[in-house]
Protein backbone atom coordinates (compact mmCIF):
# COMPACT_ATOMS: atom_id res chain seq x y z
CA MET A 1 111.32 142.37 158.01
CA ASP A 2 111.56 144.28 154.77
CA LEU A 3 109.37 142.74 152.05
CA THR A 4 112.14 143.08 149.46
CA LYS A 5 114.39 140.91 151.64
CA VAL A 6 111.65 138.30 152.08
CA VAL A 7 111.01 138.05 148.34
CA SER A 8 114.76 137.92 147.70
CA LYS A 9 115.07 135.05 150.20
CA ILE A 10 112.51 133.11 148.17
CA ILE A 11 113.55 133.91 144.62
CA GLY A 12 117.34 133.80 145.13
CA PRO A 13 117.71 130.15 146.14
CA VAL A 14 115.13 129.07 143.54
CA LEU A 15 117.16 130.73 140.76
CA LEU A 16 120.38 129.17 142.09
CA LEU A 17 118.67 125.78 142.07
CA ARG A 18 117.54 126.37 138.48
CA ALA A 19 121.10 127.25 137.44
CA ALA A 20 122.41 124.10 139.13
CA SER A 21 119.77 121.96 137.43
CA ILE A 22 120.77 123.31 134.01
CA LEU A 23 124.42 122.50 134.79
CA ILE A 24 123.60 119.02 136.04
CA ASP A 25 121.23 117.95 133.24
CA ARG A 26 121.54 120.30 130.26
CA GLY A 27 120.16 117.63 127.92
CA HIS A 28 116.87 117.61 129.82
CA PHE A 29 116.36 121.32 129.16
CA LEU A 30 117.26 120.97 125.50
CA GLU A 31 114.70 118.17 125.22
CA ILE A 32 112.08 120.36 126.89
CA LEU A 33 112.76 123.18 124.42
CA ARG A 34 112.61 120.83 121.45
CA GLY A 35 109.33 119.34 122.70
CA LEU A 36 107.47 122.65 123.01
CA ASP A 37 105.79 122.14 119.62
CA ARG A 38 103.96 119.13 121.06
CA GLU A 39 103.14 120.88 124.34
CA VAL A 40 101.65 124.08 122.92
CA ALA A 41 98.29 122.36 122.28
CA THR A 42 97.91 120.86 125.78
CA VAL A 43 95.68 122.08 128.58
CA SER A 44 98.64 122.59 130.92
CA PHE A 45 100.34 124.84 128.37
CA SER A 46 97.15 126.89 128.33
CA ILE A 47 96.75 127.08 132.12
CA PHE A 48 100.38 127.49 133.25
CA PRO A 49 100.96 130.90 131.59
CA VAL A 50 97.82 132.22 133.29
CA ALA A 51 99.15 131.12 136.69
CA LEU A 52 102.54 132.68 135.88
CA LEU A 53 100.86 135.91 134.81
CA MET A 54 99.03 136.09 138.13
CA ALA A 55 102.31 135.51 139.99
CA PHE A 56 104.12 138.23 138.03
CA ILE A 57 101.27 140.71 138.53
CA SER A 58 101.36 139.91 142.26
CA LEU A 59 105.11 140.54 142.31
CA ALA A 60 104.64 143.85 140.46
CA LEU A 61 102.02 144.98 143.00
CA LEU A 62 104.07 144.22 146.11
CA PRO A 63 105.00 147.32 148.10
CA LEU A 64 108.76 146.85 147.78
CA ASP A 65 111.23 149.49 148.90
CA SER A 66 112.26 151.72 146.02
CA ARG A 67 115.83 152.39 147.11
CA SER A 68 117.55 149.01 146.76
CA ARG A 69 118.89 147.45 143.59
CA ALA A 70 117.09 144.24 144.57
CA ALA A 71 113.70 145.98 144.54
CA ILE A 72 114.43 147.54 141.15
CA LEU A 73 115.53 144.16 139.78
CA LEU A 74 112.38 142.53 141.17
CA ARG A 75 110.27 145.16 139.39
CA VAL A 76 112.11 144.54 136.11
CA ILE A 77 111.59 140.78 136.49
CA ALA A 78 107.90 141.29 137.32
CA TRP A 79 107.19 143.53 134.32
CA GLY A 80 109.28 141.38 132.00
CA GLY A 81 107.35 138.35 133.21
CA ILE A 82 104.05 140.12 132.64
CA LEU A 83 105.05 140.91 129.05
CA LYS A 84 106.39 137.43 128.34
CA THR A 85 103.45 135.53 129.81
CA SER A 86 100.99 137.86 128.07
CA ALA A 87 102.72 137.08 124.77
CA LEU A 88 102.61 133.38 125.61
CA ILE A 89 98.87 133.56 126.26
CA LEU A 90 98.12 135.63 123.13
CA PHE A 91 100.63 134.15 120.67
CA PRO A 92 101.81 130.73 121.91
CA HIS A 93 103.03 129.47 118.53
CA ALA A 94 105.04 132.63 117.88
CA VAL A 95 106.68 132.41 121.30
CA VAL A 96 107.55 128.73 120.73
CA ALA A 97 109.07 129.61 117.34
CA LYS A 98 111.14 132.32 119.03
CA VAL A 99 112.28 129.84 121.69
CA HIS A 100 113.56 127.51 118.96
CA VAL A 101 115.55 130.33 117.36
CA LEU A 102 116.99 131.34 120.74
CA GLU A 103 117.86 127.72 121.57
CA GLN A 104 119.78 127.44 118.29
CA ALA A 105 121.66 130.64 119.21
CA GLY A 106 122.79 129.12 122.54
CA MET A 107 120.53 131.10 124.84
CA LEU A 108 120.52 128.29 127.40
CA ASN A 109 124.01 129.50 128.38
CA VAL A 110 122.62 133.00 128.91
CA VAL A 111 119.73 131.62 130.97
CA LEU A 112 122.20 129.65 133.08
CA ALA A 113 124.40 132.71 133.67
CA ALA A 114 121.42 134.97 134.42
CA CYS A 115 119.85 132.50 136.86
CA PHE A 116 123.16 132.10 138.66
CA ALA A 117 124.00 135.82 138.80
CA VAL A 118 120.55 137.05 139.79
CA GLY A 119 119.99 134.12 142.16
CA ALA A 120 123.33 134.74 143.87
CA TYR A 121 122.57 138.45 144.22
CA PHE A 122 119.08 137.89 145.65
CA THR A 123 120.37 135.20 148.02
CA TRP A 124 123.16 137.50 149.22
CA PHE A 125 120.75 140.44 149.53
CA GLY A 126 118.09 138.43 151.37
CA TYR A 127 120.29 136.47 153.75
CA PHE A 128 123.65 138.17 154.10
CA ALA A 129 123.50 141.89 153.25
CA SER A 130 123.62 143.98 156.38
CA VAL A 131 121.07 146.65 156.84
CA THR A 132 122.84 149.91 157.43
CA HIS A 133 120.64 152.47 159.12
CA LYS A 134 122.10 155.71 160.30
CA PRO A 135 120.74 156.55 163.73
CA GLN A 136 118.84 159.80 164.00
CA ASP A 137 120.89 162.64 165.41
CA ALA A 138 119.47 162.95 168.90
CA SER A 139 121.63 165.81 170.04
CA ILE A 140 120.54 167.76 173.04
CA PRO A 141 120.15 171.49 172.40
CA SER A 142 122.81 173.52 174.11
CA GLY A 143 121.83 175.74 176.99
CA ALA A 144 119.11 173.44 178.19
């Protein structure tokens, strides 16, 4: 099975679940965002970005097909994640300050929409998109 489809089958439903969780309990996410100032000094806040960085580097190094939109989107997510988690490791307080500004601007709605759209696309691509391969032309030479 194509590796891009396998990764899409994993990431798609997870993003759909994240979108549903934001819809179901939006207040929980707002509380998380508002509590980041307290979390930035904890051990888990120090370790978690390192684990995320390793995951995004792993995703960037996967030998995905280069023809599908899903593979291109996975590459964009991987490199964006590498940049974001690197910033979180190097400048945690600056990233938290940026999160507060984005939260005030209503970015949770954008996150919800992005998780739903990208999750739906990956789920469709991984589980439902048909693979269309054109068979090789195996014509028999004339006069044989």
